[in-house]
Protein backbone atom coordinates (compact mmCIF):
# COMPACT_ATOMS: atom_id res chain seq x y z
CA MET A 1 0.00 0.00 0.00
CA ASP A 2 1.13 3.55 -0.76
CA GLN A 3 0.65 4.98 2.74
CA HIS A 4 1.30 8.56 1.70
CA LYS A 5 -1.29 8.44 -1.08
CA PHE A 6 -3.82 6.74 1.19
CA GLU A 7 -3.32 9.50 3.76
CA TYR A 8 -3.65 12.22 1.14
CA LEU A 9 -6.86 10.79 -0.31
CA GLN A 10 -8.35 10.48 3.17
CA ARG A 11 -7.61 14.14 3.84
CA LEU A 12 -9.40 15.18 0.67
CA GLY A 13 -12.36 12.86 1.17
CA ASP A 14 -12.77 13.42 4.90
CA THR A 15 -12.80 17.19 4.46
CA THR A 16 -15.52 17.17 1.80
CA LEU A 17 -17.51 14.60 3.78
CA VAL A 18 -17.47 16.54 7.04
CA LEU A 19 -18.28 19.85 5.38
CA GLY A 20 -21.03 18.23 3.33
CA GLN A 21 -22.54 16.85 6.53
CA ARG A 22 -22.32 20.27 8.16
CA LEU A 23 -24.12 21.94 5.26
CA SER A 24 -26.82 19.25 5.22
CA GLU A 25 -27.79 20.40 8.72
CA TRP A 26 -29.30 23.49 7.08
CA CYS A 27 -31.72 21.40 5.00
CA GLY A 28 -35.21 22.65 5.81
CA ARG A 29 -33.80 25.43 8.00
CA GLY A 30 -32.38 27.90 5.49
CA PRO A 31 -33.24 31.60 5.77
CA ALA A 32 -34.98 31.49 2.39
CA LEU A 33 -36.21 28.68 0.16
CA GLU A 34 -33.67 29.44 -2.56
CA GLU A 35 -30.81 29.37 -0.06
CA ASP A 36 -32.11 26.19 1.53
CA ILE A 37 -32.00 24.43 -1.84
CA ALA A 38 -28.65 25.96 -2.82
CA LEU A 39 -26.89 24.88 0.38
CA THR A 40 -28.34 21.38 0.09
CA ASN A 41 -27.06 21.13 -3.49
CA VAL A 42 -23.57 22.23 -2.40
CA ALA A 43 -23.69 19.58 0.34
CA LEU A 44 -24.63 16.93 -2.23
CA ASP A 45 -21.77 18.02 -4.49
CA LEU A 46 -19.30 17.64 -1.64
CA VAL A 47 -20.62 14.23 -0.61
CA GLY A 48 -20.42 13.11 -4.24
CA GLN A 49 -16.79 14.19 -4.34
CA THR A 50 -16.23 12.31 -1.08
CA ARG A 51 -17.39 9.09 -2.67
CA LEU A 52 -14.77 9.48 -5.39
CA TRP A 53 -11.91 10.37 -3.03
CA LEU A 54 -12.69 7.73 -0.40
CA GLY A 55 -13.48 5.14 -3.05
CA TYR A 56 -10.02 5.62 -4.47
CA ALA A 57 -8.52 5.65 -0.96
CA ALA A 58 -10.11 2.26 -0.28
CA GLU A 59 -8.58 0.87 -3.48
CA VAL A 60 -5.14 2.20 -2.56
CA GLU A 61 -5.44 0.73 0.94
CA GLY A 62 -6.27 -2.69 -0.50
CA ALA A 63 -7.83 -3.95 2.74
CA GLY A 64 -11.26 -4.71 1.34
CA ARG A 65 -12.93 -1.63 2.79
CA SER A 66 -15.34 0.53 0.81
CA ALA A 67 -15.91 4.28 0.74
CA ASP A 68 -18.97 3.72 2.95
CA GLN A 69 -16.94 1.84 5.55
CA LEU A 70 -14.30 4.56 5.61
CA ALA A 71 -17.03 7.15 6.13
CA TYR A 72 -19.13 5.36 8.73
CA LEU A 73 -16.84 2.99 10.60
CA ARG A 74 -13.97 5.20 11.69
CA ASP A 75 -13.73 7.17 14.92
CA ALA A 76 -12.92 10.88 15.21
CA HIS A 77 -9.19 10.38 15.75
CA GLN A 78 -9.01 8.44 12.48
CA PHE A 79 -10.48 11.29 10.43
CA ARG A 80 -8.08 13.54 8.54
CA ASN A 81 -10.30 16.49 7.64
CA LEU A 82 -9.36 20.14 7.97
CA LEU A 83 -10.52 21.70 11.22
CA LEU A 84 -12.28 24.49 9.32
CA ALA A 85 -14.74 21.98 7.87
CA GLU A 86 -15.97 20.70 11.24
CA GLN A 87 -16.73 24.06 12.81
CA PRO A 88 -20.43 24.50 13.77
CA ASN A 89 -22.81 26.24 11.40
CA GLY A 90 -23.61 29.01 13.88
CA SER A 91 -25.49 31.86 12.23
CA TYR A 92 -25.90 32.07 8.47
CA ALA A 93 -22.96 34.50 8.40
CA ASP A 94 -20.78 31.90 10.14
CA THR A 95 -21.75 29.26 7.60
CA LEU A 96 -21.09 31.55 4.64
CA ALA A 97 -17.74 32.73 6.00
CA ARG A 98 -16.63 29.13 6.54
CA GLN A 99 -17.80 28.19 3.05
CA PHE A 100 -16.10 31.14 1.37
CA LEU A 101 -12.74 30.54 3.05
CA PHE A 102 -12.92 26.85 2.17
CA ASP A 103 -14.28 27.25 -1.38
CA THR A 104 -11.48 29.62 -2.34
CA TRP A 105 -8.83 27.17 -1.14
CA HIS A 106 -10.69 24.22 -2.67
CA TYR A 107 -10.87 25.90 -6.07
CA PHE A 108 -7.13 26.61 -6.30
CA LEU A 109 -6.30 23.12 -5.02
CA LEU A 110 -8.45 21.32 -7.58
CA GLU A 111 -7.29 23.61 -10.37
CA ARG A 112 -3.74 22.35 -9.83
CA LEU A 113 -4.66 18.74 -9.04
CA GLN A 114 -6.09 18.48 -12.56
CA HIS A 115 -2.47 18.16 -13.63
CA SER A 116 -1.54 15.42 -11.16
CA THR A 117 0.60 12.61 -12.52
CA ASP A 118 -1.92 10.24 -10.93
CA ALA A 119 -4.61 9.92 -13.59
CA ARG A 120 -7.36 9.11 -11.10
CA ILE A 121 -6.61 12.14 -8.94
CA ALA A 122 -6.48 14.36 -12.02
CA GLU A 123 -9.81 12.98 -13.23
CA ILE A 124 -11.57 13.47 -9.88
CA ALA A 125 -10.15 16.98 -9.55
CA ALA A 126 -11.31 17.98 -13.03
CA LYS A 127 -14.81 16.68 -12.40
CA SER A 128 -15.03 18.32 -8.97
CA LEU A 129 -13.68 21.65 -10.22
CA LYS A 130 -16.76 22.16 -12.38
CA GLU A 131 -18.90 22.11 -9.23
CA VAL A 132 -16.48 24.06 -7.06
CA THR A 133 -16.24 26.87 -9.64
CA TYR A 134 -19.90 27.53 -8.89
CA HIS A 135 -19.37 27.13 -5.14
CA VAL A 136 -16.65 29.77 -4.93
CA ARG A 137 -18.60 32.29 -7.02
CA ARG A 138 -21.71 31.79 -4.96
CA SER A 139 -20.08 32.06 -1.55
CA ALA A 140 -18.04 35.14 -2.56
CA ASP A 141 -21.16 36.86 -3.87
CA LEU A 142 -23.03 36.23 -0.62
CA VAL A 143 -20.13 37.47 1.50
CA VAL A 144 -20.20 40.71 -0.48
CA ARG A 145 -23.97 41.03 -0.20
CA LEU A 146 -23.94 40.58 3.55
CA GLY A 147 -20.72 42.43 4.23
CA ASP A 148 -21.86 45.45 2.25
CA GLY A 149 -25.45 45.11 3.42
CA THR A 150 -27.02 46.34 6.61
CA GLU A 151 -25.13 47.33 9.73
CA GLU A 152 -26.22 44.07 11.35
CA SER A 153 -25.22 41.83 8.43
CA HIS A 154 -21.86 43.62 8.16
CA ARG A 155 -21.14 43.07 11.86
CA ARG A 156 -22.10 39.43 11.76
CA MET A 157 -20.00 38.70 8.67
CA GLN A 158 -16.96 40.47 10.09
CA ASP A 159 -17.29 38.58 13.36
CA ALA A 160 -17.56 35.30 11.46
CA ILE A 161 -14.44 35.95 9.37
CA ASP A 162 -12.51 36.98 12.47
CA GLU A 163 -13.62 33.91 14.42
CA LEU A 164 -12.75 31.40 11.68
CA TRP A 165 -9.47 32.96 10.59
CA MET A 166 -7.39 30.92 13.03
CA PHE A 167 -8.37 27.74 11.17
CA THR A 168 -7.07 28.95 7.80
CA GLY A 169 -3.37 28.41 8.51
CA GLU A 170 -3.89 24.66 8.37
CA LEU A 171 -4.92 24.95 4.72
CA PHE A 172 -1.29 25.56 3.76
CA GLU A 173 0.53 23.12 6.07
CA SER A 174 2.57 20.25 4.67
CA ASP A 175 4.23 17.14 6.05
CA ALA A 176 6.13 14.08 4.88
CA ALA A 177 3.11 12.69 3.01
CA ASP A 178 2.69 15.93 1.07
CA ALA A 179 6.41 16.19 0.34
CA ALA A 180 6.65 12.64 -0.99
CA LEU A 181 3.65 13.06 -3.30
CA VAL A 182 4.68 16.53 -4.45
CA ALA A 183 8.07 15.10 -5.47
CA GLN A 184 6.23 12.55 -7.62
CA GLY A 185 3.96 15.18 -9.16
CA VAL A 186 0.94 13.52 -7.56
CA ALA A 187 -0.01 16.23 -5.05
CA VAL A 188 0.12 20.00 -4.77
CA ASP A 189 2.42 21.75 -2.33
CA PRO A 190 -0.07 23.41 0.05
CA ALA A 191 2.22 26.39 0.60
CA THR A 192 1.90 27.38 -3.07
CA LEU A 193 -1.84 27.91 -2.61
CA ALA A 194 -1.41 30.59 0.05
CA GLU A 195 -0.68 33.52 -2.28
CA PRO A 196 -3.61 33.08 -4.73
CA TRP A 197 -5.95 32.22 -1.84
CA LEU A 198 -5.05 35.33 0.13
CA ARG A 199 -5.23 37.53 -2.96
CA HIS A 200 -8.75 36.39 -3.82
CA VAL A 201 -9.96 36.51 -0.22
CA SER A 202 -8.55 40.02 0.19
CA GLU A 203 -10.25 41.24 -3.01
CA VAL A 204 -13.63 39.87 -1.97
CA LEU A 205 -13.39 41.20 1.58
CA GLU A 206 -12.46 44.63 0.27
CA GLU A 207 -15.49 44.64 -2.02
CA ALA A 208 -17.60 43.53 0.94
CA THR A 209 -16.23 46.43 3.05
CA LEU A 210 -14.82 43.88 5.48
CA ARG A 211 -11.47 43.95 7.24
CA LEU A 212 -8.84 41.30 6.51
CA PRO A 213 -7.85 39.78 9.87
CA ALA A 214 -4.25 40.18 10.97
CA ALA A 215 -1.95 37.18 10.72
CA GLY A 216 -1.67 35.32 13.98
CA TRP A 217 -1.78 31.98 15.73
CA SER A 218 -3.29 29.07 13.80
CA GLN A 219 -5.21 26.10 15.13
CA THR A 220 -3.99 22.91 13.45
CA GLY A 221 -4.07 19.15 13.87
CA GLY A 222 -7.05 17.93 11.87
CA ARG A 223 -4.91 16.46 9.10
CA HIS A 224 -3.28 14.24 11.74
CA GLY A 225 -6.41 13.20 13.63
CA ARG A 226 -6.43 15.90 16.34
CA HIS A 227 -9.81 17.56 16.20
CA THR A 228 -12.02 20.01 18.01
CA GLU A 229 -14.80 18.69 20.22
CA HIS A 230 -17.30 19.38 17.44
CA LEU A 231 -16.30 16.47 15.20
CA GLY A 232 -17.35 13.79 17.67
CA TYR A 233 -20.90 15.12 17.84
CA LEU A 234 -21.09 15.42 14.05
CA LEU A 235 -19.94 11.82 13.55
CA ALA A 236 -22.31 10.51 16.23
CA GLU A 237 -25.23 11.81 14.19
CA MET A 238 -23.83 10.96 10.77
CA GLN A 239 -22.79 7.40 11.68
CA PHE A 240 -25.71 6.47 13.93
CA LEU A 241 -27.63 4.21 11.54
CA GLN A 242 -24.59 2.19 10.45
CA ARG A 243 -23.36 1.85 14.03
CA ALA A 244 -26.78 0.84 15.33
CA TYR A 245 -27.48 -1.60 12.49
CA PRO A 246 -24.09 -2.85 11.25
CA GLY A 247 -24.09 -3.72 7.57
CA ALA A 248 -27.59 -2.35 6.98
CA GLN A 249 -28.42 -1.52 3.37
CA TRP A 250 -31.36 0.13 1.70
């Protein structure tokens, strides 16, 4: 088994899975019908991408597990998602800020992964990029609308950006797994995404009349299985049926 590739694929799949689950919590609770449907569709896109990433991860592992088993039969410390993805929905501003910061990073990552020397990774990235191109435009537009909206919406959006900023440093971290795959042309060096990400985020925040937070301490650990307390509660809900009725199928 290629341990580095397995780890990398888990990070990609776990992040989209956890964020997709988070967004699905808005289903039936959105502030407007159009937004309710839009967020649910984004969640479905992310879960669909998860199936591709974790399906490939299961093949690389070669232990007979499926994408479903990786999703539903691992504990929190075995998940490799970014901490940003597991943060609670909070207010609608919190959800949009989290989505915008993630979508921008996700777009630049997939754009480069299209050129991976691993044909499967390149194929999944190219397919996912079509969806994520819409995601990043949508979330940026809503950040601008709320940031440059009422006094209340401006305050809430600024607070949300400020609160989530400490989780963005992890987006650009790298380790031995990244280094090995980057050397092979399989993966993207996370550090190279920082400049385009910050440039786009800064442009959108300026248009939204929002302040770019100052650089500071970053909360990290998700890519190595060290999570916030929020992930355990999310997994308890997401995995309940499979844990309660092992092997159950529709």
